[in-house]
């Protein structure tokens, strides 16, 4: 059975012919136009650069010997410009010396045609380079589309992650507030503790990642209070020895609630819940840790928690003034609190006061 051979169409494009001789321009136009190409003219190198700036051709046929700017410099400028470096350049020249051709290649020429131009050779050179240019353009477009798709998908993933993160953090806040509602009717305390702690951590030079983790972990410091009897939490007077022992259990109970997670956030929250009542001098609870045995997040949350308790109304006390609260914190430097954390706290008192006012109980 006879099958007719399918002919692959030859590539066509916009070709810029650069020559200071009108005869050469017209000759190349006469040879290229019947092949389906669109021919543009430039009379020297400067004119060529201007034409390329206005309309990017698919191929440039470039004479070497021209006034104002010769072909060598023109080719070098074309190849030195990111916007035109991928346009194929064919040097059309009567020069036959090897040194001249090497110089043309060094300037960025892709191929040569010798004058007088042979029609078959011209066609072969042009077709070959236009095919290369078309493939390069295709790959460049594909790369741009791929980058655009990657950017779009990355944006979608980031939005999805942000949604999941927001939902997770909201759940954490709500569960933390469930515990805090037992002795803080608004639950604003947990938000202040997170911001106090994160601001102190930032001033102390902790990484942005650790600062953000503390921001969301510190509000869970008292989650163990959910297991503490209301009669103890809301007692208007001083706790007796047995009641105090029960109250102290909320640190371990909070850690037990949070333990065993693979989440870095919950791991830090577990550590904070367990250690935010430890004291720098070792007199705290539940483990009697001392100095740097206490994790830094616990040391930071400790001062945030005490300051907020001092300046807030509780069933057993009215809020202290800022001056009195600051004085108590300062006096506890080196005993209750890490001296460096105290120093960081007092370096940002304007921020501490702002947070206190912004998240004040309604």
Protein backbone atom coordinates (compact mmCIF):
# COMPACT_ATOMS: atom_id res chain seq x y z
CA UNK A 1 0.00 0.00 0.00
CA UNK A 2 1.41 3.39 -0.98
CA UNK A 3 1.63 5.98 1.76
CA UNK A 4 2.35 9.58 0.84
CA UNK A 5 5.30 10.98 2.79
CA UNK A 6 4.24 13.78 5.12
CA UNK A 7 6.35 16.87 4.68
CA UNK A 8 7.35 18.70 7.83
CA UNK A 9 6.88 22.46 7.32
CA UNK A 10 10.06 24.43 7.48
CA UNK A 11 10.30 27.02 10.25
CA UNK A 12 9.68 30.64 9.40
CA UNK A 13 10.31 33.77 11.38
CA UNK A 14 11.26 37.43 11.53
CA UNK A 15 14.81 37.89 10.21
CA UNK A 16 16.76 41.10 10.71
CA UNK A 17 19.31 41.69 7.94
CA UNK A 18 22.07 44.14 8.94
CA UNK A 19 24.24 45.59 6.14
CA UNK A 20 25.30 49.06 5.04
CA UNK A 21 24.92 48.12 1.35
CA UNK A 22 21.38 48.39 -0.02
CA UNK A 23 22.16 45.80 -2.72
CA UNK A 24 23.00 43.16 -0.11
CA UNK A 25 19.84 43.96 1.85
CA UNK A 26 17.64 43.56 -1.22
CA UNK A 27 19.40 40.38 -2.30
CA UNK A 28 18.82 38.67 1.04
CA UNK A 29 15.23 39.90 1.08
CA UNK A 30 14.67 38.35 -2.34
CA UNK A 31 16.10 35.03 -1.14
CA UNK A 32 14.28 34.90 2.21
CA UNK A 33 10.81 36.26 1.45
CA UNK A 34 9.78 33.36 -0.86
CA UNK A 35 10.62 30.98 1.99
CA UNK A 36 7.93 32.60 4.14
CA UNK A 37 10.17 34.74 6.30
CA UNK A 38 9.46 38.33 7.31
CA UNK A 39 12.50 40.47 6.58
CA UNK A 40 13.50 43.61 8.47
CA UNK A 41 16.47 45.87 7.64
CA UNK A 42 19.16 47.69 9.63
CA UNK A 43 21.93 49.69 7.99
CA UNK A 44 24.60 49.35 10.71
CA UNK A 45 25.25 48.07 14.22
CA UNK A 46 23.64 50.96 16.06
CA UNK A 47 20.55 50.72 13.88
CA UNK A 48 20.52 46.96 14.55
CA UNK A 49 20.51 47.40 18.34
CA UNK A 50 17.68 49.92 18.09
CA UNK A 51 15.61 47.61 15.86
CA UNK A 52 16.18 44.66 18.20
CA UNK A 53 15.06 46.79 21.14
CA UNK A 54 11.83 47.65 19.31
CA UNK A 55 11.08 44.18 17.92
CA UNK A 56 12.85 40.97 18.87
CA UNK A 57 13.66 39.09 15.64
CA UNK A 58 14.04 35.32 15.46
CA UNK A 59 17.37 35.54 13.64
CA UNK A 60 19.94 38.19 12.72
CA UNK A 61 22.08 38.13 9.56
CA UNK A 62 24.92 40.48 10.45
CA UNK A 63 27.52 42.01 8.17
CA UNK A 64 30.95 42.62 9.72
CA UNK A 65 32.40 45.61 7.90
CA UNK A 66 30.02 48.53 8.62
CA UNK A 67 30.36 52.20 9.65
CA UNK A 68 29.66 53.54 13.16
CA UNK A 69 29.64 50.06 14.73
CA UNK A 70 31.02 46.93 13.06
CA UNK A 71 29.61 43.42 13.30
CA UNK A 72 32.03 42.28 15.99
CA UNK A 73 30.95 44.92 18.52
CA UNK A 74 27.32 44.57 17.52
CA UNK A 75 27.39 40.81 18.13
CA UNK A 76 29.14 41.32 21.45
CA UNK A 77 26.48 43.80 22.59
CA UNK A 78 23.66 41.56 21.44
CA UNK A 79 25.06 38.60 23.34
CA UNK A 80 25.84 40.72 26.38
CA UNK A 81 22.22 41.79 26.74
CA UNK A 82 19.95 39.24 28.54
CA UNK A 83 17.03 40.37 26.38
CA UNK A 84 18.79 39.54 23.09
CA UNK A 85 21.49 36.99 23.95
CA UNK A 86 19.35 34.05 22.77
CA UNK A 87 18.72 35.47 19.29
CA UNK A 88 20.88 33.50 16.81
CA UNK A 89 23.45 35.65 14.97
CA UNK A 90 24.87 34.64 11.59
CA UNK A 91 27.89 36.63 10.41
CA UNK A 92 27.68 37.37 6.69
CA UNK A 93 31.20 38.23 5.60
CA UNK A 94 33.72 38.24 2.82
CA UNK A 95 36.51 37.77 5.38
CA UNK A 96 38.21 34.40 5.08
CA UNK A 97 40.98 34.70 7.66
CA UNK A 98 40.72 32.19 10.51
CA UNK A 99 41.56 34.88 13.10
CA UNK A 100 38.58 36.94 11.96
CA UNK A 101 36.22 33.99 12.27
CA UNK A 102 37.59 33.11 15.70
CA UNK A 103 37.03 36.72 16.77
CA UNK A 104 33.43 36.52 15.53
CA UNK A 105 32.84 33.37 17.55
CA UNK A 106 34.35 35.01 20.62
CA UNK A 107 31.90 37.87 20.15
CA UNK A 108 29.00 35.40 20.21
CA UNK A 109 28.28 34.58 16.56
CA UNK A 110 26.41 31.30 16.09
CA UNK A 111 27.34 30.65 12.46
CA UNK A 112 28.84 32.13 9.26
CA UNK A 113 27.82 32.79 5.68
CA UNK A 114 30.38 33.78 3.10
CA UNK A 115 29.79 36.43 0.49
CA UNK A 116 28.56 36.04 -2.15
CA UNK A 117 25.75 34.19 -0.36
CA UNK A 118 24.81 30.79 -1.72
CA UNK A 119 21.03 30.30 -1.69
CA UNK A 120 21.13 26.66 -0.56
CA UNK A 121 23.64 27.39 2.15
CA UNK A 122 21.56 30.36 3.31
CA UNK A 123 18.45 28.23 3.51
CA UNK A 124 20.23 25.48 5.47
CA UNK A 125 21.78 27.90 7.96
CA UNK A 126 18.54 29.80 8.51
CA UNK A 127 16.37 26.69 8.88
CA UNK A 128 18.78 25.09 11.33
CA UNK A 129 19.07 28.13 13.58
CA UNK A 130 15.35 28.89 13.50
CA UNK A 131 14.64 25.35 14.63
CA UNK A 132 17.08 25.80 17.51
CA UNK A 133 15.51 29.16 18.37
CA UNK A 134 11.99 27.70 18.26
CA UNK A 135 13.03 24.87 20.58
CA UNK A 136 14.69 27.30 22.97
CA UNK A 137 11.59 29.53 22.99
CA UNK A 138 9.43 26.49 23.65
CA UNK A 139 11.58 25.40 26.58
CA UNK A 140 11.66 28.95 27.94
CA UNK A 141 7.87 29.19 27.76
CA UNK A 142 7.57 25.77 29.37
CA UNK A 143 9.92 26.86 32.16
CA UNK A 144 7.87 29.99 32.78
CA UNK A 145 4.64 28.00 32.87
CA UNK A 146 6.25 25.46 35.19
CA UNK A 147 7.52 28.19 37.52
CA UNK A 148 4.08 29.81 37.48
CA UNK A 149 2.41 26.50 38.32
CA UNK A 150 4.91 25.78 41.09
CA UNK A 151 4.32 29.27 42.51
CA UNK A 152 0.54 28.76 42.34
CA UNK A 153 0.69 25.37 44.02
CA UNK A 154 3.11 26.69 46.65
CA UNK A 155 0.71 29.53 47.38
CA UNK A 156 -2.18 27.05 47.65
CA UNK A 157 -0.16 24.89 50.05
CA UNK A 158 0.81 27.91 52.14
CA UNK A 159 -2.82 29.01 52.34
CA UNK A 160 -3.89 25.48 53.29
CA UNK A 161 -1.14 25.31 55.92
CA UNK A 162 -2.16 28.71 57.27
CA UNK A 163 -5.77 27.54 57.52
CA UNK A 164 -4.76 24.35 59.35
CA UNK A 165 -2.40 26.28 61.60
CA UNK A 166 -5.07 28.85 62.41
CA UNK A 167 -7.58 26.13 63.25
CA UNK A 168 -5.03 24.28 65.41
CA UNK A 169 -4.05 27.42 67.31
CA UNK A 170 -7.69 28.34 67.83
CA UNK A 171 -8.28 24.89 69.30
CA UNK A 172 -5.27 25.34 71.60
CA UNK A 173 -6.54 28.71 72.80
CA UNK A 174 -10.03 27.38 73.42
CA UNK A 175 -8.78 24.39 75.40
CA UNK A 176 -6.42 26.62 77.38
CA UNK A 177 -9.26 29.01 78.12
CA UNK A 178 -11.36 26.10 79.37
CA UNK A 179 -8.84 25.71 82.17
CA UNK A 180 -8.37 29.45 82.74
CA UNK A 181 -12.11 30.13 83.00
CA UNK A 182 -12.01 28.40 86.34
CA UNK A 183 -10.21 31.38 87.88
CA UNK A 184 -10.20 34.00 85.11
CA UNK A 185 -13.65 34.79 83.76
CA UNK A 186 -12.46 36.26 80.46
CA UNK A 187 -9.56 34.01 79.51
CA UNK A 188 -7.58 37.09 78.37
CA UNK A 189 -4.83 35.99 80.76
CA UNK A 190 -3.62 33.26 78.39
CA UNK A 191 -3.33 35.68 75.47
CA UNK A 192 -1.31 38.14 77.55
CA UNK A 193 1.00 35.37 78.77
CA UNK A 194 1.72 34.32 75.18
CA UNK A 195 2.55 37.87 74.07
CA UNK A 196 4.54 38.73 77.19
CA UNK A 197 6.62 35.58 76.80
CA UNK A 198 7.19 35.96 73.06
CA UNK A 199 8.23 39.61 73.42
CA UNK A 200 10.73 38.74 76.18
CA UNK A 201 12.07 35.82 74.12
CA UNK A 202 12.54 38.06 71.09
CA UNK A 203 14.48 40.64 73.12
CA UNK A 204 16.69 37.86 74.50
CA UNK A 205 17.70 36.92 70.96
CA UNK A 206 15.84 33.63 70.54
CA UNK A 207 15.21 32.62 66.94
CA UNK A 208 12.04 33.77 65.18
CA UNK A 209 10.89 30.15 65.13
CA UNK A 210 11.36 29.76 68.90
CA UNK A 211 9.67 33.10 69.56
CA UNK A 212 6.61 32.02 67.58
CA UNK A 213 6.54 28.63 69.31
CA UNK A 214 6.64 30.29 72.73
CA UNK A 215 3.87 32.67 71.65
CA UNK A 216 1.52 29.73 71.12
CA UNK A 217 2.91 27.33 73.76
CA UNK A 218 2.97 29.67 76.77
CA UNK A 219 -0.84 30.05 76.89
CA UNK A 220 -1.04 26.34 77.79
CA UNK A 221 1.06 26.83 80.93
CA UNK A 222 -1.86 26.28 83.31
CA UNK A 223 -3.85 23.70 81.34
CA UNK A 224 -3.47 21.36 84.34
CA UNK A 225 -5.81 23.59 86.34
CA UNK A 226 -8.66 21.83 84.59
CA UNK A 227 -8.10 19.05 87.14
CA UNK A 228 -7.90 21.43 90.13
CA UNK A 229 -11.09 21.72 92.24
CA UNK A 230 -12.97 25.01 91.86
CA UNK A 231 -13.11 25.39 95.62
CA UNK A 232 -9.35 25.71 95.71
CA UNK A 233 -8.98 27.88 92.60
CA UNK A 234 -11.69 30.30 93.71
CA UNK A 235 -10.95 30.34 97.43
CA UNK A 236 -10.93 33.99 98.52
CA UNK A 237 -8.39 33.48 101.27
CA UNK A 238 -5.02 31.84 101.71
CA UNK A 239 -4.77 28.13 100.93
CA UNK A 240 -3.95 25.74 103.77
CA UNK A 241 -1.13 23.20 103.45
CA UNK A 242 -3.29 20.43 101.96
CA UNK A 243 -4.96 22.80 99.50
CA UNK A 244 -1.57 24.15 98.46
CA UNK A 245 -0.28 20.64 97.75
CA UNK A 246 -3.32 20.03 95.53
CA UNK A 247 -2.81 23.36 93.76
CA UNK A 248 0.82 22.51 93.04
CA UNK A 249 -0.23 19.35 91.25
CA UNK A 250 -1.52 21.36 88.28
CA UNK A 251 2.03 21.64 86.90
CA UNK A 252 2.47 17.86 86.62
CA UNK A 253 -1.13 17.38 85.53
CA UNK A 254 -0.67 19.91 82.73
CA UNK A 255 2.49 18.14 81.58
CA UNK A 256 0.66 14.80 81.63
CA UNK A 257 -2.13 16.23 79.48
CA UNK A 258 0.39 17.49 76.91
CA UNK A 259 3.01 14.71 76.98
CA UNK A 260 3.74 12.24 74.18
CA UNK A 261 3.14 14.54 71.22
CA UNK A 262 5.34 14.68 68.12
CA UNK A 263 4.46 18.36 67.76
CA UNK A 264 7.30 20.74 68.66
CA UNK A 265 4.68 23.22 69.85
CA UNK A 266 3.08 20.77 72.26
CA UNK A 267 6.48 19.52 73.42
CA UNK A 268 7.39 23.08 74.42
CA UNK A 269 3.96 23.55 76.00
CA UNK A 270 4.54 20.39 78.05
CA UNK A 271 7.89 21.76 79.24
CA UNK A 272 6.38 25.13 80.13
CA UNK A 273 3.45 23.57 81.98
CA UNK A 274 5.86 21.49 84.07
CA UNK A 275 8.50 24.14 84.81
CA UNK A 276 6.90 27.61 84.91
CA UNK A 277 6.65 27.43 88.73
CA UNK A 278 10.29 26.45 89.19
CA UNK A 279 12.51 29.17 90.71
CA UNK A 280 16.03 30.26 89.84
CA UNK A 281 17.25 29.52 93.39
CA UNK A 282 15.76 26.00 93.38
CA UNK A 283 12.88 26.70 95.79
CA UNK A 284 10.13 26.24 93.23
CA UNK A 285 7.98 23.25 92.30
CA UNK A 286 7.31 20.52 91.26
CA UNK A 287 10.91 19.32 90.77
CA UNK A 288 12.95 21.92 92.62
CA UNK A 289 15.03 22.68 89.54
CA UNK A 290 17.68 25.38 89.86
CA UNK A 291 19.25 27.94 87.52
CA UNK A 292 19.71 26.76 83.96
CA UNK A 293 18.30 23.35 84.82
CA UNK A 294 15.01 25.12 84.17
CA UNK A 295 14.30 25.30 80.42
CA UNK A 296 14.50 28.82 79.01
CA UNK A 297 10.85 28.77 77.91
CA UNK A 298 9.83 27.91 81.48
CA UNK A 299 11.99 30.71 82.92
CA UNK A 300 10.48 33.22 80.51
CA UNK A 301 6.88 32.12 81.08
CA UNK A 302 7.43 32.24 84.85
CA UNK A 303 8.03 35.98 84.90
CA UNK A 304 5.19 36.61 82.45
CA UNK A 305 2.79 34.57 84.59
CA UNK A 306 3.78 36.22 87.87
CA UNK A 307 3.61 39.74 86.44
CA UNK A 308 0.15 39.10 85.02
CA UNK A 309 -1.04 37.57 88.29
CA UNK A 310 0.27 40.57 90.24
CA UNK A 311 -1.51 43.09 88.01
CA UNK A 312 -4.78 41.15 87.72
CA UNK A 313 -7.71 40.69 90.06
CA UNK A 314 -7.91 37.25 91.65
CA UNK A 315 -10.45 35.75 94.09
CA UNK A 316 -7.95 36.25 96.90
CA UNK A 317 -6.66 39.75 95.96
CA UNK A 318 -7.17 43.01 94.13
CA UNK A 319 -4.75 43.93 91.30
CA UNK A 320 -1.46 45.53 92.32
CA UNK A 321 -0.28 48.73 90.68
CA UNK A 322 2.31 48.58 87.94
CA UNK A 323 4.85 50.23 90.23
CA UNK A 324 4.37 47.67 93.00
CA UNK A 325 4.34 44.78 90.51
CA UNK A 326 7.56 45.97 88.88
CA UNK A 327 9.15 46.34 92.30
CA UNK A 328 8.26 42.75 93.25
CA UNK A 329 9.71 41.45 89.98
CA UNK A 330 12.90 43.46 90.49
CA UNK A 331 13.31 42.23 94.06
CA UNK A 332 12.95 38.62 92.84
CA UNK A 333 15.88 38.89 90.42
CA UNK A 334 18.26 36.04 91.12
CA UNK A 335 15.93 34.30 93.58
CA UNK A 336 12.63 33.58 91.87
CA UNK A 337 13.64 34.67 88.37
CA UNK A 338 16.57 34.23 86.00
CA UNK A 339 18.52 37.55 86.17
CA UNK A 340 18.86 37.71 82.38
CA UNK A 341 15.12 37.23 81.92
CA UNK A 342 14.44 39.98 84.46
CA UNK A 343 16.82 42.31 82.62
CA UNK A 344 15.07 41.57 79.31
CA UNK A 345 11.69 42.16 80.96
CA UNK A 346 12.66 45.60 82.21
CA UNK A 347 14.25 46.51 78.88
CA UNK A 348 10.83 46.21 77.22
CA UNK A 349 8.46 47.56 79.87
CA UNK A 350 6.77 49.81 77.29
CA UNK A 351 5.86 46.71 75.27
CA UNK A 352 4.76 44.86 78.41
CA UNK A 353 2.43 47.71 79.39
CA UNK A 354 1.08 47.97 75.84
CA UNK A 355 0.26 44.23 75.77
CA UNK A 356 -1.36 44.49 79.20
CA UNK A 357 -3.60 47.32 77.97
CA UNK A 358 -4.36 45.80 74.58
CA UNK A 359 -5.53 42.48 76.03
CA UNK A 360 -7.13 43.84 79.19
CA UNK A 361 -10.08 41.99 80.71
CA UNK A 362 -13.41 43.38 79.61
